[in-house]
Amino acid sequence: MTEIMLISSSSLPSLFTVRPETRARMRDFFSSHIRNPNTRRAYMEAVRQFSAFCAEYGIVDLAQVEPVHVAAFVELQLKTQSKPTVKLRLAALRMLFDWMVVGQVIPVNPAHAVRGPKHSQRRGKTPVLNVDEARALIDAIDITSLPGLRDRALIGLMVYTFARVGAAVSMKVEDFFVQGRRGWVRLHEKGGKEHEMPTHHNLDHYLEEYIEAAGIAEDRKGPLFRTTRGRSGELTGNSLLQSDVWRMIRRRALLAGIKTEISCHTFRATGITAYLKNGGKLEIAQQMAAHESARTTGLYDRRNDEISLDEVERIGI
């Protein structure tokens, strides 16, 4: 809600706020049409950047925007931003302008005719751990404490289900359940999708130990992964944030002696790569990761990294 208030505040350039109907339509776009918080933040930044660009050139009303202005904005962005970032910002403007056209705020979408930069990515950039590193990281966690049990369960969830960190931290206690005599997890993925899958036996053990030690089994509607207070490690009723998880995994990696600069997404890529190396099928990995396209899943497949390393080592000098 804070982000929505910021986007409609008087401190912004007047491009999207000069007319009541424009302001109302934009508010609806970010509050109801764009539901994912990460997408909302990225699209808001695109709007701020474009609004500031227009204000600099004296464009104060959305009706004044023409394709040439959007094209000039894209060219300017390419001088300081990466191609994927510029493509994302252009996509944000196209979607917002379409929303304005449907709401009869403007007659045509000025961004439709603008071509974005060409960019094709066949290999993901997410740092990946090999199997030994991932195992070492998990085993190095001190599970004599409640935070340790929580962190092992959380990392295990991201490894064994390929879950996004956003889906992991939004889980409720009831999202880990028994079905057909084995554990299952329910993940709330992007676009409001619910994704259920059985748990690996290790993950089953990690989650059960954590929930029992935390004493939260009866709090079915409460958050599964909670923050702690004080040195005692007592759980609060608040869910972990993504930033909390990032700091936690960097701290755990340091203690485990892992030098790779891992991120929350590392465990998604690590799990997918380990699955495929053990004979898993790409189309099944796609289903497990809740990807719309197998091409997206392929970006997380880092098996060729090791093949390249083996080839480099053949240079026997």
C-alpha atoms as a PDB file:
ATOM      1  CA  MET A   1       0.000   0.000   0.000  1.00  0.00           C
ATOM      2  CA  THR A   2       2.881   2.351   0.703  1.00  0.00           C
ATOM      3  CA  GLU A   3       4.207   1.929  -2.808  1.00  0.00           C
ATOM      4  CA  ILE A   4       0.802   2.760  -4.293  1.00  0.00           C
ATOM      5  CA  MET A   5       0.585   5.940  -2.241  1.00  0.00           C
ATOM      6  CA  LEU A   6       4.032   6.967  -3.373  1.00  0.00           C
ATOM      7  CA  ILE A   7       3.195   6.507  -7.042  1.00  0.00           C
ATOM      8  CA  SER A   8       0.216   8.869  -6.789  1.00  0.00           C
ATOM      9  CA  SER A   9       1.750  11.498  -4.545  1.00  0.00           C
ATOM     10  CA  SER A  10       2.145  15.128  -5.600  1.00  0.00           C
ATOM     11  CA  SER A  11       5.922  14.814  -5.368  1.00  0.00           C
ATOM     12  CA  LEU A  12       5.979  12.882  -8.658  1.00  0.00           C
ATOM     13  CA  PRO A  13       6.169  14.629 -12.060  1.00  0.00           C
ATOM     14  CA  SER A  14       2.708  15.549 -13.272  1.00  0.00           C
ATOM     15  CA  LEU A  15       2.616  13.240 -16.324  1.00  0.00           C
ATOM     16  CA  PHE A  16       0.435  10.639 -14.588  1.00  0.00           C
ATOM     17  CA  THR A  17      -1.236  12.901 -12.030  1.00  0.00           C
ATOM     18  CA  VAL A  18      -2.281  16.053 -13.876  1.00  0.00           C
ATOM     19  CA  ARG A  19      -5.738  14.658 -14.691  1.00  0.00           C
ATOM     20  CA  PRO A  20      -7.965  12.869 -12.134  1.00  0.00           C
ATOM     21  CA  GLU A  21      -8.873  10.097 -14.574  1.00  0.00           C
ATOM     22  CA  THR A  22      -5.193   9.406 -15.320  1.00  0.00           C
ATOM     23  CA  ARG A  23      -4.306   9.331 -11.645  1.00  0.00           C
ATOM     24  CA  ALA A  24      -7.217   7.012 -10.810  1.00  0.00           C
ATOM     25  CA  ARG A  25      -6.436   4.671 -13.691  1.00  0.00           C
ATOM     26  CA  MET A  26      -2.771   4.435 -12.748  1.00  0.00           C
ATOM     27  CA  ARG A  27      -3.684   3.761  -9.126  1.00  0.00           C
ATOM     28  CA  ASP A  28      -5.910   0.884 -10.263  1.00  0.00           C
ATOM     29  CA  PHE A  29      -3.096  -0.472 -12.451  1.00  0.00           C
ATOM     30  CA  PHE A  30      -0.685  -0.829  -9.534  1.00  0.00           C
ATOM     31  CA  SER A  31      -3.197  -1.843  -6.892  1.00  0.00           C
ATOM     32  CA  SER A  32      -5.277  -4.429  -8.758  1.00  0.00           C
ATOM     33  CA  HIS A  33      -3.704  -5.247 -12.126  1.00  0.00           C
ATOM     34  CA  ILE A  34      -0.079  -5.806 -11.023  1.00  0.00           C
ATOM     35  CA  ARG A  35      -0.310  -8.140  -8.052  1.00  0.00           C
ATOM     36  CA  ASN A  36       3.257  -9.412  -7.674  1.00  0.00           C
ATOM     37  CA  PRO A  37       5.190  -7.040  -5.361  1.00  0.00           C
ATOM     38  CA  ASN A  38       8.507  -7.507  -7.202  1.00  0.00           C
ATOM     39  CA  THR A  39       6.915  -6.748 -10.561  1.00  0.00           C
ATOM     40  CA  ARG A  40       5.123  -3.778  -9.015  1.00  0.00           C
ATOM     41  CA  ARG A  41       8.372  -2.304  -7.719  1.00  0.00           C
ATOM     42  CA  ALA A  42      10.119  -2.756 -11.065  1.00  0.00           C
ATOM     43  CA  TYR A  43       7.216  -1.245 -13.015  1.00  0.00           C
ATOM     44  CA  MET A  44       6.935   1.673 -10.605  1.00  0.00           C
ATOM     45  CA  GLU A  45      10.584   2.463 -11.180  1.00  0.00           C
ATOM     46  CA  ALA A  46       9.989   2.433 -14.945  1.00  0.00           C
ATOM     47  CA  VAL A  47       7.101   4.886 -14.496  1.00  0.00           C
ATOM     48  CA  ARG A  48       9.196   7.188 -12.314  1.00  0.00           C
ATOM     49  CA  GLN A  49      12.047   7.168 -14.813  1.00  0.00           C
ATOM     50  CA  PHE A  50       9.777   7.896 -17.763  1.00  0.00           C
ATOM     51  CA  SER A  51       7.861  10.586 -15.868  1.00  0.00           C
ATOM     52  CA  ALA A  52      11.106  12.347 -14.956  1.00  0.00           C
ATOM     53  CA  PHE A  53      12.271  12.120 -18.593  1.00  0.00           C
ATOM     54  CA  CYS A  54       9.030  13.693 -19.852  1.00  0.00           C
ATOM     55  CA  ALA A  55       9.107  16.441 -17.231  1.00  0.00           C
ATOM     56  CA  GLU A  56      12.613  17.398 -18.354  1.00  0.00           C
ATOM     57  CA  TYR A  57      11.348  17.907 -21.907  1.00  0.00           C
ATOM     58  CA  GLY A  58       8.232  19.825 -20.920  1.00  0.00           C
ATOM     59  CA  ILE A  59       5.736  17.008 -21.437  1.00  0.00           C
ATOM     60  CA  VAL A  60       3.228  17.410 -18.623  1.00  0.00           C
ATOM     61  CA  ASP A  61       0.218  15.381 -19.785  1.00  0.00           C
ATOM     62  CA  LEU A  62       0.011  11.745 -20.876  1.00  0.00           C
ATOM     63  CA  ALA A  63      -1.965  12.783 -23.956  1.00  0.00           C
ATOM     64  CA  GLN A  64       1.143  14.629 -25.222  1.00  0.00           C
ATOM     65  CA  VAL A  65       3.295  11.496 -25.285  1.00  0.00           C
ATOM     66  CA  GLU A  66       4.155  10.209 -28.764  1.00  0.00           C
ATOM     67  CA  PRO A  67       6.152   7.180 -29.974  1.00  0.00           C
ATOM     68  CA  VAL A  68       9.180   9.399 -30.614  1.00  0.00           C
ATOM     69  CA  HIS A  69       9.278  10.329 -26.925  1.00  0.00           C
ATOM     70  CA  VAL A  70       9.194   6.679 -25.826  1.00  0.00           C
ATOM     71  CA  ALA A  71      11.908   5.817 -28.374  1.00  0.00           C
ATOM     72  CA  ALA A  72      14.103   8.650 -27.075  1.00  0.00           C
ATOM     73  CA  PHE A  73      13.591   7.419 -23.514  1.00  0.00           C
ATOM     74  CA  VAL A  74      14.690   3.910 -24.536  1.00  0.00           C
ATOM     75  CA  GLU A  75      17.826   5.235 -26.255  1.00  0.00           C
ATOM     76  CA  LEU A  76      18.719   7.299 -23.191  1.00  0.00           C
ATOM     77  CA  GLN A  77      18.187   4.326 -20.874  1.00  0.00           C
ATOM     78  CA  LEU A  78      20.506   2.142 -22.957  1.00  0.00           C
ATOM     79  CA  LYS A  79      23.404   4.466 -22.109  1.00  0.00           C
ATOM     80  CA  THR A  80      23.216   3.649 -18.400  1.00  0.00           C
ATOM     81  CA  GLN A  81      21.162   0.441 -18.052  1.00  0.00           C
ATOM     82  CA  SER A  82      21.514  -3.157 -19.231  1.00  0.00           C
ATOM     83  CA  LYS A  83      19.427  -4.402 -22.148  1.00  0.00           C
ATOM     84  CA  PRO A  84      17.241  -6.661 -19.965  1.00  0.00           C
ATOM     85  CA  THR A  85      16.471  -3.701 -17.679  1.00  0.00           C
ATOM     86  CA  VAL A  86      15.537  -1.479 -20.624  1.00  0.00           C
ATOM     87  CA  LYS A  87      13.355  -4.215 -22.125  1.00  0.00           C
ATOM     88  CA  LEU A  88      11.572  -4.589 -18.799  1.00  0.00           C
ATOM     89  CA  ARG A  89      10.948  -0.843 -18.501  1.00  0.00           C
ATOM     90  CA  LEU A  90       9.611  -0.649 -22.040  1.00  0.00           C
ATOM     91  CA  ALA A  91       7.318  -3.608 -21.302  1.00  0.00           C
ATOM     92  CA  ALA A  92       6.086  -1.801 -18.184  1.00  0.00           C
ATOM     93  CA  LEU A  93       5.225   1.313 -20.190  1.00  0.00           C
ATOM     94  CA  ARG A  94       3.472  -0.721 -22.881  1.00  0.00           C
ATOM     95  CA  MET A  95       1.325  -2.489 -20.302  1.00  0.00           C
ATOM     96  CA  LEU A  96       0.494   0.715 -18.431  1.00  0.00           C
ATOM     97  CA  PHE A  97      -0.389   2.578 -21.644  1.00  0.00           C
ATOM     98  CA  ASP A  98      -2.591  -0.343 -22.745  1.00  0.00           C
ATOM     99  CA  TRP A  99      -4.356  -0.020 -19.408  1.00  0.00           C
ATOM    100  CA  MET A 100      -4.848   3.682 -20.098  1.00  0.00           C
ATOM    101  CA  VAL A 101      -6.221   2.973 -23.586  1.00  0.00           C
ATOM    102  CA  VAL A 102      -8.732   0.449 -22.220  1.00  0.00           C
ATOM    103  CA  GLY A 103      -9.778   3.052 -19.640  1.00  0.00           C
ATOM    104  CA  GLN A 104     -10.230   5.611 -22.458  1.00  0.00           C
ATOM    105  CA  VAL A 105      -7.657   7.948 -20.928  1.00  0.00           C
ATOM    106  CA  ILE A 106      -5.610   8.039 -24.153  1.00  0.00           C
ATOM    107  CA  PRO A 107      -6.676   6.943 -27.677  1.00  0.00           C
ATOM    108  CA  VAL A 108      -3.597   4.889 -28.655  1.00  0.00           C
ATOM    109  CA  ASN A 109      -0.583   3.294 -26.999  1.00  0.00           C
ATOM    110  CA  PRO A 110       2.528   5.368 -27.889  1.00  0.00           C
ATOM    111  CA  ALA A 111       4.877   2.545 -26.845  1.00  0.00           C
ATOM    112  CA  HIS A 112       3.525  -0.125 -29.211  1.00  0.00           C
ATOM    113  CA  ALA A 113       5.510   1.087 -32.212  1.00  0.00           C
ATOM    114  CA  VAL A 114       8.773   1.348 -30.270  1.00  0.00           C
ATOM    115  CA  ARG A 115      11.191  -1.555 -30.645  1.00  0.00           C
ATOM    116  CA  GLY A 116      13.173  -2.596 -27.640  1.00  0.00           C
ATOM    117  CA  PRO A 117      16.810  -3.720 -27.669  1.00  0.00           C
ATOM    118  CA  LYS A 118      17.541  -7.225 -28.890  1.00  0.00           C
ATOM    119  CA  HIS A 119      18.662  -9.510 -26.114  1.00  0.00           C
ATOM    120  CA  SER A 120      18.742 -13.293 -25.949  1.00  0.00           C
ATOM    121  CA  GLN A 121      19.916 -15.230 -22.912  1.00  0.00           C
ATOM    122  CA  ARG A 122      20.574 -18.966 -23.061  1.00  0.00           C
ATOM    123  CA  ARG A 123      22.421 -19.360 -19.777  1.00  0.00           C
ATOM    124  CA  GLY A 124      21.373 -18.023 -16.411  1.00  0.00           C
ATOM    125  CA  LYS A 125      23.648 -15.823 -14.326  1.00  0.00           C
ATOM    126  CA  THR A 126      22.503 -17.079 -10.939  1.00  0.00           C
ATOM    127  CA  PRO A 127      25.436 -18.501  -8.916  1.00  0.00           C
ATOM    128  CA  VAL A 128      25.015 -22.253  -8.438  1.00  0.00           C
ATOM    129  CA  LEU A 129      26.442 -24.573  -5.789  1.00  0.00           C
ATOM    130  CA  ASN A 130      27.598 -28.062  -6.640  1.00  0.00           C
ATOM    131  CA  VAL A 131      26.142 -30.986  -4.718  1.00  0.00           C
ATOM    132  CA  ASP A 132      29.005 -31.143  -2.207  1.00  0.00           C
ATOM    133  CA  GLU A 133      28.805 -27.411  -1.468  1.00  0.00           C
ATOM    134  CA  ALA A 134      25.030 -27.524  -0.991  1.00  0.00           C
ATOM    135  CA  ARG A 135      25.350 -30.502   1.345  1.00  0.00           C
ATOM    136  CA  ALA A 136      28.159 -28.815   3.276  1.00  0.00           C
ATOM    137  CA  LEU A 137      26.082 -25.656   3.679  1.00  0.00           C
ATOM    138  CA  ILE A 138      23.118 -27.540   5.095  1.00  0.00           C
ATOM    139  CA  ASP A 139      25.257 -29.731   7.365  1.00  0.00           C
ATOM    140  CA  ALA A 140      27.124 -26.717   8.755  1.00  0.00           C
ATOM    141  CA  ILE A 141      23.932 -25.221  10.223  1.00  0.00           C
ATOM    142  CA  ASP A 142      23.768 -25.511  14.016  1.00  0.00           C
ATOM    143  CA  ILE A 143      20.451 -27.279  14.595  1.00  0.00           C
ATOM    144  CA  THR A 144      20.683 -27.170  18.380  1.00  0.00           C
ATOM    145  CA  SER A 145      18.966 -23.783  18.162  1.00  0.00           C
ATOM    146  CA  LEU A 146      15.525 -22.894  16.847  1.00  0.00           C
ATOM    147  CA  PRO A 147      16.875 -20.404  14.262  1.00  0.00           C
ATOM    148  CA  GLY A 148      19.150 -23.173  12.996  1.00  0.00           C
ATOM    149  CA  LEU A 149      16.235 -25.585  12.547  1.00  0.00           C
ATOM    150  CA  ARG A 150      14.274 -22.853  10.791  1.00  0.00           C
ATOM    151  CA  ASP A 151      17.123 -21.961   8.441  1.00  0.00           C
ATOM    152  CA  ARG A 152      17.800 -25.605   7.537  1.00  0.00           C
ATOM    153  CA  ALA A 153      14.113 -26.130   6.755  1.00  0.00           C
ATOM    154  CA  LEU A 154      13.952 -22.952   4.666  1.00  0.00           C
ATOM    155  CA  ILE A 155      17.085 -23.701   2.640  1.00  0.00           C
ATOM    156  CA  GLY A 156      15.949 -27.309   2.234  1.00  0.00           C
ATOM    157  CA  LEU A 157      12.592 -26.113   0.927  1.00  0.00           C
ATOM    158  CA  MET A 158      14.233 -23.944  -1.746  1.00  0.00           C
ATOM    159  CA  VAL A 159      16.606 -26.742  -2.778  1.00  0.00           C
ATOM    160  CA  TYR A 160      14.178 -29.672  -2.855  1.00  0.00           C
ATOM    161  CA  THR A 161      11.119 -27.896  -4.304  1.00  0.00           C
ATOM    162  CA  PHE A 162      12.874 -25.272  -6.481  1.00  0.00           C
ATOM    163  CA  ALA A 163      10.724 -22.696  -4.672  1.00  0.00           C
ATOM    164  CA  ARG A 164      11.203 -18.983  -5.171  1.00  0.00           C
ATOM    165  CA  VAL A 165      12.099 -17.192  -1.970  1.00  0.00           C
ATOM    166  CA  GLY A 166       8.907 -15.130  -2.229  1.00  0.00           C
ATOM    167  CA  ALA A 167       6.811 -18.302  -2.287  1.00  0.00           C
ATOM    168  CA  ALA A 168       8.794 -19.754   0.620  1.00  0.00           C
ATOM    169  CA  VAL A 169       8.425 -16.818   3.008  1.00  0.00           C
ATOM    170  CA  SER A 170       4.715 -16.470   2.231  1.00  0.00           C
ATOM    171  CA  MET A 171       3.951 -20.037   3.358  1.00  0.00           C
ATOM    172  CA  LYS A 172       1.612 -20.651   6.267  1.00  0.00           C
ATOM    173  CA  VAL A 173       1.978 -23.565   8.679  1.00  0.00           C
ATOM    174  CA  GLU A 174      -0.973 -25.255   6.947  1.00  0.00           C
ATOM    175  CA  ASP A 175       0.941 -25.202   3.651  1.00  0.00           C
ATOM    176  CA  PHE A 176       2.933 -28.205   4.887  1.00  0.00           C
ATOM    177  CA  PHE A 177       0.516 -31.106   5.138  1.00  0.00           C
ATOM    178  CA  VAL A 178       0.212 -34.888   4.880  1.00  0.00           C
ATOM    179  CA  GLN A 179      -1.446 -36.470   1.875  1.00  0.00           C
ATOM    180  CA  GLY A 180      -1.239 -40.143   0.935  1.00  0.00           C
ATOM    181  CA  ARG A 181       0.971 -40.855   3.970  1.00  0.00           C
ATOM    182  CA  ARG A 182       3.661 -38.410   2.963  1.00  0.00           C
ATOM    183  CA  GLY A 183       4.405 -34.734   3.314  1.00  0.00           C
ATOM    184  CA  TRP A 184       3.375 -32.157   0.736  1.00  0.00           C
ATOM    185  CA  VAL A 185       3.957 -28.422   0.432  1.00  0.00           C
ATOM    186  CA  ARG A 186       1.703 -25.788  -1.070  1.00  0.00           C
ATOM    187  CA  LEU A 187       3.533 -22.875  -2.666  1.00  0.00           C
ATOM    188  CA  HIS A 188       1.882 -19.600  -3.624  1.00  0.00           C
ATOM    189  CA  GLU A 189       3.704 -18.688  -6.809  1.00  0.00           C
ATOM    190  CA  LYS A 190       3.602 -15.649  -9.091  1.00  0.00           C
ATOM    191  CA  GLY A 191       0.301 -14.685 -10.622  1.00  0.00           C
ATOM    192  CA  GLY A 192      -1.680 -16.058  -7.686  1.00  0.00           C
ATOM    193  CA  LYS A 193      -0.992 -19.659  -8.690  1.00  0.00           C
ATOM    194  CA  GLU A 194      -1.018 -22.427  -6.088  1.00  0.00           C
ATOM    195  CA  HIS A 195       1.582 -25.105  -6.702  1.00  0.00           C
ATOM    196  CA  GLU A 196       1.582 -28.340  -4.687  1.00  0.00           C
ATOM    197  CA  MET A 197       4.229 -31.029  -4.697  1.00  0.00           C
ATOM    198  CA  PRO A 198       5.403 -33.897  -2.450  1.00  0.00           C
ATOM    199  CA  THR A 199       8.392 -33.313  -0.196  1.00  0.00           C
ATOM    200  CA  HIS A 200      11.764 -35.000  -0.486  1.00  0.00           C
ATOM    201  CA  HIS A 201      12.401 -37.234   2.553  1.00  0.00           C
ATOM    202  CA  ASN A 202      15.137 -34.863   3.784  1.00  0.00           C
ATOM    203  CA  LEU A 203      12.846 -31.854   3.521  1.00  0.00           C
ATOM    204  CA  ASP A 204      10.077 -33.776   5.259  1.00  0.00           C
ATOM    205  CA  HIS A 205      12.431 -34.382   8.181  1.00  0.00           C
ATOM    206  CA  TYR A 206      13.664 -30.773   8.273  1.00  0.00           C
ATOM    207  CA  LEU A 207      10.147 -29.313   8.325  1.00  0.00           C
ATOM    208  CA  GLU A 208       8.797 -31.716  10.926  1.00  0.00           C
ATOM    209  CA  GLU A 209      11.715 -31.073  13.295  1.00  0.00           C
ATOM    210  CA  TYR A 210      11.412 -27.315  12.924  1.00  0.00           C
ATOM    211  CA  ILE A 211       7.634 -27.189  13.412  1.00  0.00           C
ATOM    212  CA  GLU A 212       7.775 -29.456  16.454  1.00  0.00           C
ATOM    213  CA  ALA A 213      10.605 -27.491  18.095  1.00  0.00           C
ATOM    214  CA  ALA A 214       8.887 -24.179  17.302  1.00  0.00           C
ATOM    215  CA  GLY A 215       5.570 -25.352  18.749  1.00  0.00           C
ATOM    216  CA  ILE A 216       3.595 -23.820  15.870  1.00  0.00           C
ATOM    217  CA  ALA A 217       1.786 -26.926  14.612  1.00  0.00           C
ATOM    218  CA  GLU A 218      -1.584 -25.701  15.906  1.00  0.00           C
ATOM    219  CA  ASP A 219      -1.149 -22.186  14.496  1.00  0.00           C
ATOM    220  CA  ARG A 220      -2.247 -23.338  11.051  1.00  0.00           C
ATOM    221  CA  LYS A 221      -2.924 -19.855   9.690  1.00  0.00           C
ATOM    222  CA  GLY A 222       0.305 -18.378  11.054  1.00  0.00           C
ATOM    223  CA  PRO A 223       3.477 -17.866   8.989  1.00  0.00           C
ATOM    224  CA  LEU A 224       5.696 -20.930   8.680  1.00  0.00           C
ATOM    225  CA  PHE A 225       9.075 -19.183   8.595  1.00  0.00           C
ATOM    226  CA  ARG A 226       9.129 -16.559  11.337  1.00  0.00           C
ATOM    227  CA  THR A 227      11.532 -13.951  12.594  1.00  0.00           C
ATOM    228  CA  THR A 228      13.203 -14.347  15.973  1.00  0.00           C
ATOM    229  CA  ARG A 229      13.829 -11.906  18.800  1.00  0.00           C
ATOM    230  CA  GLY A 230      16.810 -11.517  21.096  1.00  0.00           C
ATOM    231  CA  ARG A 231      19.678 -13.903  21.706  1.00  0.00           C
ATOM    232  CA  SER A 232      17.306 -16.604  22.898  1.00  0.00           C
ATOM    233  CA  GLY A 233      16.051 -17.086  19.342  1.00  0.00           C
ATOM    234  CA  GLU A 234      12.419 -16.925  20.421  1.00  0.00           C
ATOM    235  CA  LEU A 235      10.029 -16.892  17.473  1.00  0.00           C
ATOM    236  CA  THR A 236       7.779 -13.927  16.801  1.00  0.00           C
ATOM    237  CA  GLY A 237       4.473 -14.002  14.935  1.00  0.00           C
ATOM    238  CA  ASN A 238       5.982 -12.187  11.947  1.00  0.00           C
ATOM    239  CA  SER A 239       7.016 -13.764   8.681  1.00  0.00           C
ATOM    240  CA  LEU A 240      10.597 -13.504   7.435  1.00  0.00           C
ATOM    241  CA  LEU A 241      11.183 -10.972   4.675  1.00  0.00           C
ATOM    242  CA  GLN A 242      13.155 -11.744   1.529  1.00  0.00           C
ATOM    243  CA  SER A 243      15.896  -9.406   2.756  1.00  0.00           C
ATOM    244  CA  ASP A 244      16.067 -11.403   6.012  1.00  0.00           C
ATOM    245  CA  VAL A 245      16.558 -14.604   4.018  1.00  0.00           C
ATOM    246  CA  TRP A 246      19.297 -13.055   1.881  1.00  0.00           C
ATOM    247  CA  ARG A 247      21.256 -11.986   4.949  1.00  0.00           C
ATOM    248  CA  MET A 248      20.741 -15.383   6.540  1.00  0.00           C
ATOM    249  CA  ILE A 249      22.050 -17.402   3.604  1.00  0.00           C
ATOM    250  CA  ARG A 250      25.080 -15.147   3.161  1.00  0.00           C
ATOM    251  CA  ARG A 251      25.880 -15.607   6.859  1.00  0.00           C
ATOM    252  CA  ARG A 252      25.392 -19.378   6.636  1.00  0.00           C
ATOM    253  CA  ALA A 253      27.574 -19.592   3.521  1.00  0.00           C
ATOM    254  CA  LEU A 254      30.360 -17.685   5.257  1.00  0.00           C
ATOM    255  CA  LEU A 255      30.250 -20.018   8.259  1.00  0.00           C
ATOM    256  CA  ALA A 256      30.341 -23.036   5.924  1.00  0.00           C
ATOM    257  CA  GLY A 257      33.422 -21.687   4.121  1.00  0.00           C
ATOM    258  CA  ILE A 258      31.616 -21.217   0.795  1.00  0.00           C
ATOM    259  CA  LYS A 259      33.160 -18.389  -1.203  1.00  0.00           C
ATOM    260  CA  THR A 260      30.585 -18.301  -4.006  1.00  0.00           C
ATOM    261  CA  GLU A 261      28.462 -15.155  -3.689  1.00  0.00           C
ATOM    262  CA  ILE A 262      25.176 -16.987  -3.473  1.00  0.00           C
ATOM    263  CA  SER A 263      21.714 -15.425  -3.471  1.00  0.00           C
ATOM    264  CA  CYS A 264      18.236 -16.641  -2.604  1.00  0.00           C
ATOM    265  CA  HIS A 265      17.799 -17.795  -6.203  1.00  0.00           C
ATOM    266  CA  THR A 266      20.930 -19.957  -5.972  1.00  0.00           C
ATOM    267  CA  PHE A 267      19.022 -22.804  -4.337  1.00  0.00           C
ATOM    268  CA  ARG A 268      16.423 -22.893  -7.122  1.00  0.00           C
ATOM    269  CA  ALA A 269      19.162 -23.224  -9.737  1.00  0.00           C
ATOM    270  CA  THR A 270      21.142 -25.673  -7.575  1.00  0.00           C
ATOM    271  CA  GLY A 271      18.132 -27.961  -7.087  1.00  0.00           C
ATOM    272  CA  ILE A 272      17.195 -27.953 -10.779  1.00  0.00           C
ATOM    273  CA  THR A 273      20.768 -28.682 -11.873  1.00  0.00           C
ATOM    274  CA  ALA A 274      21.141 -31.538  -9.349  1.00  0.00           C
ATOM    275  CA  TYR A 275      17.823 -33.022 -10.460  1.00  0.00           C
ATOM    276  CA  LEU A 276      18.788 -32.952 -14.152  1.00  0.00           C
ATOM    277  CA  LYS A 277      22.271 -34.367 -13.462  1.00  0.00           C
ATOM    278  CA  ASN A 278      20.628 -37.368 -11.806  1.00  0.00           C
ATOM    279  CA  GLY A 279      18.623 -38.185 -14.910  1.00  0.00           C
ATOM    280  CA  GLY A 280      15.623 -35.931 -14.355  1.00  0.00           C
ATOM    281  CA  LYS A 281      13.641 -34.701 -17.331  1.00  0.00           C
ATOM    282  CA  LEU A 282      13.528 -31.029 -18.288  1.00  0.00           C
ATOM    283  CA  GLU A 283       9.750 -31.057 -18.757  1.00  0.00           C
ATOM    284  CA  ILE A 284       9.262 -32.487 -15.246  1.00  0.00           C
ATOM    285  CA  ALA A 285      11.681 -29.904 -13.815  1.00  0.00           C
ATOM    286  CA  GLN A 286       9.546 -27.270 -15.538  1.00  0.00           C
ATOM    287  CA  GLN A 287       6.451 -28.540 -13.718  1.00  0.00           C
ATOM    288  CA  MET A 288       8.266 -28.744 -10.390  1.00  0.00           C
ATOM    289  CA  ALA A 289       9.559 -25.182 -10.767  1.00  0.00           C
ATOM    290  CA  ALA A 290       6.124 -23.924 -11.913  1.00  0.00           C
ATOM    291  CA  HIS A 291       7.654 -22.353 -15.020  1.00  0.00           C
ATOM    292  CA  GLU A 292       5.436 -21.401 -17.960  1.00  0.00           C
ATOM    293  CA  SER A 293       8.159 -22.339 -20.439  1.00  0.00           C
ATOM    294  CA  ALA A 294      10.806 -25.062 -20.545  1.00  0.00           C
ATOM    295  CA  ARG A 295      13.156 -22.419 -21.933  1.00  0.00           C
ATOM    296  CA  THR A 296      12.973 -20.590 -18.601  1.00  0.00           C
ATOM    297  CA  THR A 297      13.793 -23.813 -16.759  1.00  0.00           C
ATOM    298  CA  GLY A 298      16.731 -24.328 -19.107  1.00  0.00           C
ATOM    299  CA  LEU A 299      18.298 -21.093 -17.861  1.00  0.00           C
ATOM    300  CA  TYR A 300      18.708 -22.810 -14.471  1.00  0.00           C
ATOM    301  CA  ASP A 301      20.343 -25.897 -15.965  1.00  0.00           C
ATOM    302  CA  ARG A 302      24.049 -25.421 -15.268  1.00  0.00           C
ATOM    303  CA  ARG A 303      25.327 -28.892 -16.129  1.00  0.00           C
ATOM    304  CA  ASN A 304      27.421 -27.463 -18.962  1.00  0.00           C
ATOM    305  CA  ASP A 305      29.421 -25.398 -16.464  1.00  0.00           C
ATOM    306  CA  GLU A 306      31.173 -28.549 -15.265  1.00  0.00           C
ATOM    307  CA  ILE A 307      31.710 -29.818 -18.810  1.00  0.00           C
ATOM    308  CA  SER A 308      33.463 -26.565 -19.685  1.00  0.00           C
ATOM    309  CA  LEU A 309      35.658 -26.800 -16.584  1.00  0.00           C
ATOM    310  CA  ASP A 310      36.694 -30.369 -17.475  1.00  0.00           C
ATOM    311  CA  GLU A 311      37.681 -29.223 -20.942  1.00  0.00           C
ATOM    312  CA  VAL A 312      39.751 -26.323 -19.594  1.00  0.00           C
ATOM    313  CA  GLU A 313      41.668 -28.730 -17.368  1.00  0.00           C
ATOM    314  CA  ARG A 314      42.776 -30.618 -20.470  1.00  0.00           C
ATOM    315  CA  ILE A 315      45.214 -27.798 -21.177  1.00  0.00           C
ATOM    316  CA  GLY A 316      48.151 -29.672 -19.689  1.00  0.00           C
ATOM    317  CA  ILE A 317      50.766 -26.960 -19.406  1.00  0.00           C
END
